[in-house]
Structures are given as C-alpha cells and as structure tokens.
Amino acid sequence: MRYEMSPVAPKVRGIAAEKGVSQEGIAQILGISRTAVSKRLNARGDFTATELQKLAASFDVKVGAFFGEISA
C-alpha cells in the first residue's frame, strides 16, 4: 500500500533535528510510543492538532512553522 507524505511530517522532522530532538524525544513530548511517532513521520498516520501544539511549545516555534507559514 502506498501512502501520501503529509507536508507536516518533513517539517516536524526538520525542526526536531534543528532542535536536537530524536524520535524518542518527540514520543516523550507527546506521550506516545516511538513507533507511533515513526508512523506519523513516515506517512502512516497524521499528527493531531493537539500534538502539533505540544511540539510547537516544546520546540519554541509557532504551529504555522509545521506548515511552512513561518520560519522556525
């Protein structure tokens, strides 16, 4: 089965890398498993609005940064 890559996933991955946060770190921030994070980052699931808000707060960026609206 082929999945479409969410435009949010690469932004989350990039900002996390800039901030030095691993998939395990993202999992801890969101309170989900590393496997669940991996699925979201690899287009087998989507981040919820609440999850994006948590990540934005943790990364000190605006939620729009995950959509390319605002530079991180």
PDB file of N, CA and C in Angstrom:
ATOM      1  N   MET A   1       0.849  -1.176   0.000  1.00  0.00           N
ATOM      2  CA  MET A   1       0.000   0.000   0.000  1.00  0.00           C
ATOM      3  C   MET A   1       0.894   1.238   0.000  1.00  0.00           C
ATOM      4  N   ARG A   2       0.555   2.214  -0.809  1.00  0.00           N
ATOM      5  CA  ARG A   2       1.328   3.442  -0.899  1.00  0.00           C
ATOM      6  C   ARG A   2       0.637   4.548  -0.104  1.00  0.00           C
ATOM      7  N   TYR A   3       1.435   5.328   0.610  1.00  0.00           N
ATOM      8  CA  TYR A   3       0.895   6.410   1.426  1.00  0.00           C
ATOM      9  C   TYR A   3       1.387   7.745   0.886  1.00  0.00           C
ATOM     10  N   GLU A   4       0.559   8.760   0.982  1.00  0.00           N
ATOM     11  CA  GLU A   4       0.955  10.116   0.626  1.00  0.00           C
ATOM     12  C   GLU A   4       1.665  10.738   1.821  1.00  0.00           C
ATOM     13  N   MET A   5       2.784  11.363   1.584  1.00  0.00           N
ATOM     14  CA  MET A   5       3.531  12.018   2.656  1.00  0.00           C
ATOM     15  C   MET A   5       2.822  13.307   3.045  1.00  0.00           C
ATOM     16  N   SER A   6       2.521  13.430   4.311  1.00  0.00           N
ATOM     17  CA  SER A   6       1.930  14.657   4.825  1.00  0.00           C
ATOM     18  C   SER A   6       2.971  15.763   4.727  1.00  0.00           C
ATOM     19  N   PRO A   7       2.563  16.966   4.308  1.00  0.00           N
ATOM     20  CA  PRO A   7       3.539  18.054   4.249  1.00  0.00           C
ATOM     21  C   PRO A   7       4.038  18.462   5.631  1.00  0.00           C
ATOM     22  N   VAL A   8       3.327  18.044   6.660  1.00  0.00           N
ATOM     23  CA  VAL A   8       3.713  18.382   8.027  1.00  0.00           C
ATOM     24  C   VAL A   8       4.888  17.520   8.498  1.00  0.00           C
ATOM     25  N   ALA A   9       4.892  16.252   8.132  1.00  0.00           N
ATOM     26  CA  ALA A   9       5.907  15.320   8.631  1.00  0.00           C
ATOM     27  C   ALA A   9       7.338  15.779   8.365  1.00  0.00           C
ATOM     28  N   PRO A  10       7.684  16.210   7.142  1.00  0.00           N
ATOM     29  CA  PRO A  10       9.062  16.660   6.919  1.00  0.00           C
ATOM     30  C   PRO A  10       9.416  17.899   7.734  1.00  0.00           C
ATOM     31  N   LYS A  11       8.437  18.761   7.955  1.00  0.00           N
ATOM     32  CA  LYS A  11       8.676  19.960   8.772  1.00  0.00           C
ATOM     33  C   LYS A  11       8.936  19.575  10.221  1.00  0.00           C
ATOM     34  N   VAL A  12       8.128  18.650  10.756  1.00  0.00           N
ATOM     35  CA  VAL A  12       8.339  18.185  12.130  1.00  0.00           C
ATOM     36  C   VAL A  12       9.726  17.558  12.239  1.00  0.00           C
ATOM     37  N   ARG A  13      10.061  16.709  11.282  1.00  0.00           N
ATOM     38  CA  ARG A  13      11.360  16.040  11.286  1.00  0.00           C
ATOM     39  C   ARG A  13      12.506  17.067  11.244  1.00  0.00           C
ATOM     40  N   GLY A  14      12.383  18.054  10.361  1.00  0.00           N
ATOM     41  CA  GLY A  14      13.428  19.064  10.215  1.00  0.00           C
ATOM     42  C   GLY A  14      13.596  19.933  11.446  1.00  0.00           C
ATOM     43  N   ILE A  15      12.499  20.402  11.998  1.00  0.00           N
ATOM     44  CA  ILE A  15      12.572  21.256  13.188  1.00  0.00           C
ATOM     45  C   ILE A  15      13.099  20.457  14.370  1.00  0.00           C
ATOM     46  N   ALA A  16      12.659  19.214  14.509  1.00  0.00           N
ATOM     47  CA  ALA A  16      13.172  18.362  15.588  1.00  0.00           C
ATOM     48  C   ALA A  16      14.681  18.193  15.450  1.00  0.00           C
ATOM     49  N   ALA A  17      15.155  17.971  14.230  1.00  0.00           N
ATOM     50  CA  ALA A  17      16.597  17.810  14.005  1.00  0.00           C
ATOM     51  C   ALA A  17      17.348  19.091  14.367  1.00  0.00           C
ATOM     52  N   GLU A  18      16.800  20.245  13.975  1.00  0.00           N
ATOM     53  CA  GLU A  18      17.420  21.529  14.313  1.00  0.00           C
ATOM     54  C   GLU A  18      17.522  21.715  15.822  1.00  0.00           C
ATOM     55  N   LYS A  19      16.526  21.230  16.538  1.00  0.00           N
ATOM     56  CA  LYS A  19      16.484  21.383  17.994  1.00  0.00           C
ATOM     57  C   LYS A  19      17.198  20.243  18.715  1.00  0.00           C
ATOM     58  N   GLY A  20      17.693  19.255  17.953  1.00  0.00           N
ATOM     59  CA  GLY A  20      18.400  18.122  18.559  1.00  0.00           C
ATOM     60  C   GLY A  20      17.484  17.138  19.265  1.00  0.00           C
ATOM     61  N   VAL A  21      16.250  17.025  18.781  1.00  0.00           N
ATOM     62  CA  VAL A  21      15.268  16.144  19.406  1.00  0.00           C
ATOM     63  C   VAL A  21      15.079  14.900  18.536  1.00  0.00           C
ATOM     64  N   SER A  22      15.252  13.741  19.131  1.00  0.00           N
ATOM     65  CA  SER A  22      15.109  12.459  18.435  1.00  0.00           C
ATOM     66  C   SER A  22      13.642  12.036  18.374  1.00  0.00           C
ATOM     67  N   GLN A  23      13.390  10.940  17.656  1.00  0.00           N
ATOM     68  CA  GLN A  23      12.033  10.382  17.647  1.00  0.00           C
ATOM     69  C   GLN A  23      11.615  10.000  19.059  1.00  0.00           C
ATOM     70  N   GLU A  24      12.536   9.471  19.830  1.00  0.00           N
ATOM     71  CA  GLU A  24      12.226   9.124  21.226  1.00  0.00           C
ATOM     72  C   GLU A  24      11.846  10.380  22.004  1.00  0.00           C
ATOM     73  N   GLY A  25      12.556  11.473  21.747  1.00  0.00           N
ATOM     74  CA  GLY A  25      12.237  12.741  22.399  1.00  0.00           C
ATOM     75  C   GLY A  25      10.859  13.246  22.013  1.00  0.00           C
ATOM     76  N   ILE A  26      10.531  13.141  20.731  1.00  0.00           N
ATOM     77  CA  ILE A  26       9.193  13.528  20.273  1.00  0.00           C
ATOM     78  C   ILE A  26       8.149  12.666  20.971  1.00  0.00           C
ATOM     79  N   ALA A  27       8.425  11.373  21.069  1.00  0.00           N
ATOM     80  CA  ALA A  27       7.496  10.451  21.736  1.00  0.00           C
ATOM     81  C   ALA A  27       7.256  10.876  23.180  1.00  0.00           C
ATOM     82  N   GLN A  28       8.323  11.259  23.878  1.00  0.00           N
ATOM     83  CA  GLN A  28       8.182  11.686  25.272  1.00  0.00           C
ATOM     84  C   GLN A  28       7.375  12.974  25.370  1.00  0.00           C
ATOM     85  N   ILE A  29       7.635  13.910  24.467  1.00  0.00           N
ATOM     86  CA  ILE A  29       6.883  15.170  24.466  1.00  0.00           C
ATOM     87  C   ILE A  29       5.388  14.903  24.283  1.00  0.00           C
ATOM     88  N   LEU A  30       5.077  13.988  23.369  1.00  0.00           N
ATOM     89  CA  LEU A  30       3.673  13.725  23.031  1.00  0.00           C
ATOM     90  C   LEU A  30       3.010  12.675  23.909  1.00  0.00           C
ATOM     91  N   GLY A  31       3.801  11.922  24.662  1.00  0.00           N
ATOM     92  CA  GLY A  31       3.234  10.865  25.496  1.00  0.00           C
ATOM     93  C   GLY A  31       2.741   9.684  24.681  1.00  0.00           C
ATOM     94  N   ILE A  32       3.437   9.411  23.564  1.00  0.00           N
ATOM     95  CA  ILE A  32       3.096   8.272  22.713  1.00  0.00           C
ATOM     96  C   ILE A  32       4.357   7.447  22.484  1.00  0.00           C
ATOM     97  N   SER A  33       4.209   6.294  21.857  1.00  0.00           N
ATOM     98  CA  SER A  33       5.367   5.433  21.625  1.00  0.00           C
ATOM     99  C   SER A  33       6.237   5.962  20.485  1.00  0.00           C
ATOM    100  N   ARG A  34       7.502   5.556  20.480  1.00  0.00           N
ATOM    101  CA  ARG A  34       8.404   5.918  19.394  1.00  0.00           C
ATOM    102  C   ARG A  34       7.894   5.342  18.081  1.00  0.00           C
ATOM    103  N   THR A  35       7.282   4.156  18.154  1.00  0.00           N
ATOM    104  CA  THR A  35       6.706   3.539  16.961  1.00  0.00           C
ATOM    105  C   THR A  35       5.594   4.410  16.383  1.00  0.00           C
ATOM    106  N   ALA A  36       4.757   4.975  17.240  1.00  0.00           N
ATOM    107  CA  ALA A  36       3.681   5.856  16.779  1.00  0.00           C
ATOM    108  C   ALA A  36       4.257   7.110  16.122  1.00  0.00           C
ATOM    109  N   VAL A  37       5.332   7.639  16.687  1.00  0.00           N
ATOM    110  CA  VAL A  37       5.993   8.806  16.085  1.00  0.00           C
ATOM    111  C   VAL A  37       6.542   8.436  14.714  1.00  0.00           C
ATOM    112  N   SER A  38       7.202   7.292  14.635  1.00  0.00           N
ATOM    113  CA  SER A  38       7.765   6.836  13.365  1.00  0.00           C
ATOM    114  C   SER A  38       6.682   6.723  12.295  1.00  0.00           C
ATOM    115  N   LYS A  39       5.534   6.193  12.670  1.00  0.00           N
ATOM    116  CA  LYS A  39       4.426   6.068  11.714  1.00  0.00           C
ATOM    117  C   LYS A  39       3.982   7.438  11.214  1.00  0.00           C
ATOM    118  N   ARG A  40       3.891   8.397  12.112  1.00  0.00           N
ATOM    119  CA  ARG A  40       3.475   9.737  11.706  1.00  0.00           C
ATOM    120  C   ARG A  40       4.517  10.379  10.790  1.00  0.00           C
ATOM    121  N   LEU A  41       5.787  10.174  11.094  1.00  0.00           N
ATOM    122  CA  LEU A  41       6.853  10.776  10.294  1.00  0.00           C
ATOM    123  C   LEU A  41       7.037  10.088   8.944  1.00  0.00           C
ATOM    124  N   ASN A  42       6.509   8.890   8.810  1.00  0.00           N
ATOM    125  CA  ASN A  42       6.654   8.131   7.570  1.00  0.00           C
ATOM    126  C   ASN A  42       5.327   7.922   6.847  1.00  0.00           C
ATOM    127  N   ALA A  43       4.410   8.863   7.038  1.00  0.00           N
ATOM    128  CA  ALA A  43       3.145   8.930   6.290  1.00  0.00           C
ATOM    129  C   ALA A  43       2.206   7.760   6.527  1.00  0.00           C
ATOM    130  N   ARG A  44       2.282   7.156   7.703  1.00  0.00           N
ATOM    131  CA  ARG A  44       1.319   6.098   8.023  1.00  0.00           C
ATOM    132  C   ARG A  44       0.395   6.555   9.151  1.00  0.00           C
ATOM    133  N   GLY A  45       0.334   7.845   9.335  1.00  0.00           N
ATOM    134  CA  GLY A  45      -0.520   8.448  10.342  1.00  0.00           C
ATOM    135  C   GLY A  45      -0.291   9.947  10.327  1.00  0.00           C
ATOM    136  N   ASP A  46      -1.180  10.687  10.937  1.00  0.00           N
ATOM    137  CA  ASP A  46      -1.070  12.144  10.968  1.00  0.00           C
ATOM    138  C   ASP A  46      -0.914  12.635  12.395  1.00  0.00           C
ATOM    139  N   PHE A  47      -0.225  13.744  12.542  1.00  0.00           N
ATOM    140  CA  PHE A  47      -0.154  14.406  13.835  1.00  0.00           C
ATOM    141  C   PHE A  47      -1.480  15.117  14.067  1.00  0.00           C
ATOM    142  N   THR A  48      -1.981  15.055  15.297  1.00  0.00           N
ATOM    143  CA  THR A  48      -3.207  15.773  15.635  1.00  0.00           C
ATOM    144  C   THR A  48      -2.866  17.231  15.914  1.00  0.00           C
ATOM    145  N   ALA A  49      -3.879  18.068  15.932  1.00  0.00           N
ATOM    146  CA  ALA A  49      -3.676  19.480  16.250  1.00  0.00           C
ATOM    147  C   ALA A  49      -3.074  19.629  17.644  1.00  0.00           C
ATOM    148  N   THR A  50      -3.547  18.837  18.585  1.00  0.00           N
ATOM    149  CA  THR A  50      -3.018  18.890  19.953  1.00  0.00           C
ATOM    150  C   THR A  50      -1.549  18.498  19.980  1.00  0.00           C
ATOM    151  N   GLU A  51      -1.185  17.468  19.220  1.00  0.00           N
ATOM    152  CA  GLU A  51       0.218  17.044  19.168  1.00  0.00           C
ATOM    153  C   GLU A  51       1.092  18.140  18.567  1.00  0.00           C
ATOM    154  N   LEU A  52       0.612  18.788  17.522  1.00  0.00           N
ATOM    155  CA  LEU A  52       1.383  19.870  16.912  1.00  0.00           C
ATOM    156  C   LEU A  52       1.533  21.045  17.871  1.00  0.00           C
ATOM    157  N   GLN A  53       0.504  21.318  18.663  1.00  0.00           N
ATOM    158  CA  GLN A  53       0.597  22.382  19.662  1.00  0.00           C
ATOM    159  C   GLN A  53       1.654  22.046  20.711  1.00  0.00           C
ATOM    160  N   LYS A  54       1.687  20.793  21.159  1.00  0.00           N
ATOM    161  CA  LYS A  54       2.682  20.362  22.144  1.00  0.00           C
ATOM    162  C   LYS A  54       4.090  20.475  21.578  1.00  0.00           C
ATOM    163  N   LEU A  55       4.262  20.035  20.325  1.00  0.00           N
ATOM    164  CA  LEU A  55       5.579  20.113  19.699  1.00  0.00           C
ATOM    165  C   LEU A  55       6.009  21.563  19.514  1.00  0.00           C
ATOM    166  N   ALA A  56       5.097  22.408  19.066  1.00  0.00           N
ATOM    167  CA  ALA A  56       5.417  23.820  18.870  1.00  0.00           C
ATOM    168  C   ALA A  56       5.877  24.455  20.178  1.00  0.00           C
ATOM    169  N   ALA A  57       5.169  24.179  21.252  1.00  0.00           N
ATOM    170  CA  ALA A  57       5.545  24.729  22.555  1.00  0.00           C
ATOM    171  C   ALA A  57       6.910  24.211  22.986  1.00  0.00           C
ATOM    172  N   SER A  58       7.149  22.935  22.790  1.00  0.00           N
ATOM    173  CA  SER A  58       8.415  22.335  23.195  1.00  0.00           C
ATOM    174  C   SER A  58       9.579  22.839  22.346  1.00  0.00           C
ATOM    175  N   PHE A  59       9.342  23.035  21.048  1.00  0.00           N
ATOM    176  CA  PHE A  59      10.391  23.492  20.134  1.00  0.00           C
ATOM    177  C   PHE A  59      10.515  25.011  20.102  1.00  0.00           C
ATOM    178  N   ASP A  60       9.632  25.709  20.805  1.00  0.00           N
ATOM    179  CA  ASP A  60       9.595  27.169  20.833  1.00  0.00           C
ATOM    180  C   ASP A  60       9.415  27.756  19.432  1.00  0.00           C
ATOM    181  N   VAL A  61       8.445  27.205  18.707  1.00  0.00           N
ATOM    182  CA  VAL A  61       8.065  27.725  17.393  1.00  0.00           C
ATOM    183  C   VAL A  61       6.549  27.873  17.368  1.00  0.00           C
ATOM    184  N   LYS A  62       6.047  28.567  16.366  1.00  0.00           N
ATOM    185  CA  LYS A  62       4.601  28.656  16.180  1.00  0.00           C
ATOM    186  C   LYS A  62       4.134  27.438  15.399  1.00  0.00           C
ATOM    187  N   VAL A  63       2.902  27.026  15.606  1.00  0.00           N
ATOM    188  CA  VAL A  63       2.349  25.862  14.916  1.00  0.00           C
ATOM    189  C   VAL A  63       2.475  26.029  13.399  1.00  0.00           C
ATOM    190  N   GLY A  64       2.347  27.241  12.914  1.00  0.00           N
ATOM    191  CA  GLY A  64       2.465  27.502  11.482  1.00  0.00           C
ATOM    192  C   GLY A  64       3.798  27.072  10.895  1.00  0.00           C
ATOM    193  N   ALA A  65       4.826  26.954  11.721  1.00  0.00           N
ATOM    194  CA  ALA A  65       6.142  26.512  11.238  1.00  0.00           C
ATOM    195  C   ALA A  65       6.069  25.114  10.643  1.00  0.00           C
ATOM    196  N   PHE A  66       5.133  24.300  11.108  1.00  0.00           N
ATOM    197  CA  PHE A  66       4.987  22.941  10.594  1.00  0.00           C
ATOM    198  C   PHE A  66       4.297  22.918   9.227  1.00  0.00           C
ATOM    199  N   PHE A  67       3.769  24.058   8.827  1.00  0.00           N
ATOM    200  CA  PHE A  67       3.080  24.160   7.544  1.00  0.00           C
ATOM    201  C   PHE A  67       3.832  25.066   6.578  1.00  0.00           C
ATOM    202  N   GLY A  68       5.011  25.510   6.985  1.00  0.00           N
ATOM    203  CA  GLY A  68       5.821  26.363   6.131  1.00  0.00           C
ATOM    204  C   GLY A  68       5.366  27.808   6.112  1.00  0.00           C
ATOM    205  N   GLU A  69       4.469  28.179   7.019  1.00  0.00           N
ATOM    206  CA  GLU A  69       3.937  29.539   7.045  1.00  0.00           C
ATOM    207  C   GLU A  69       4.880  30.517   7.723  1.00  0.00           C
ATOM    208  N   ILE A  70       5.645  30.007   8.673  1.00  0.00           N
ATOM    209  CA  ILE A  70       6.513  30.853   9.484  1.00  0.00           C
ATOM    210  C   ILE A  70       7.840  30.142   9.610  1.00  0.00           C
ATOM    211  N   SER A  71       8.917  30.843   9.419  1.00  0.00           N
ATOM    212  CA  SER A  71      10.210  30.171   9.568  1.00  0.00           C
ATOM    213  C   SER A  71      10.467  29.873  11.029  1.00  0.00           C
ATOM    214  N   ALA A  72      11.017  28.690  11.273  1.00  0.00           N
ATOM    215  CA  ALA A  72      11.322  28.259  12.637  1.00  0.00           C
ATOM    216  C   ALA A  72      12.549  28.975  13.055  1.00  0.00           C
TER     217      ALA A  72
END
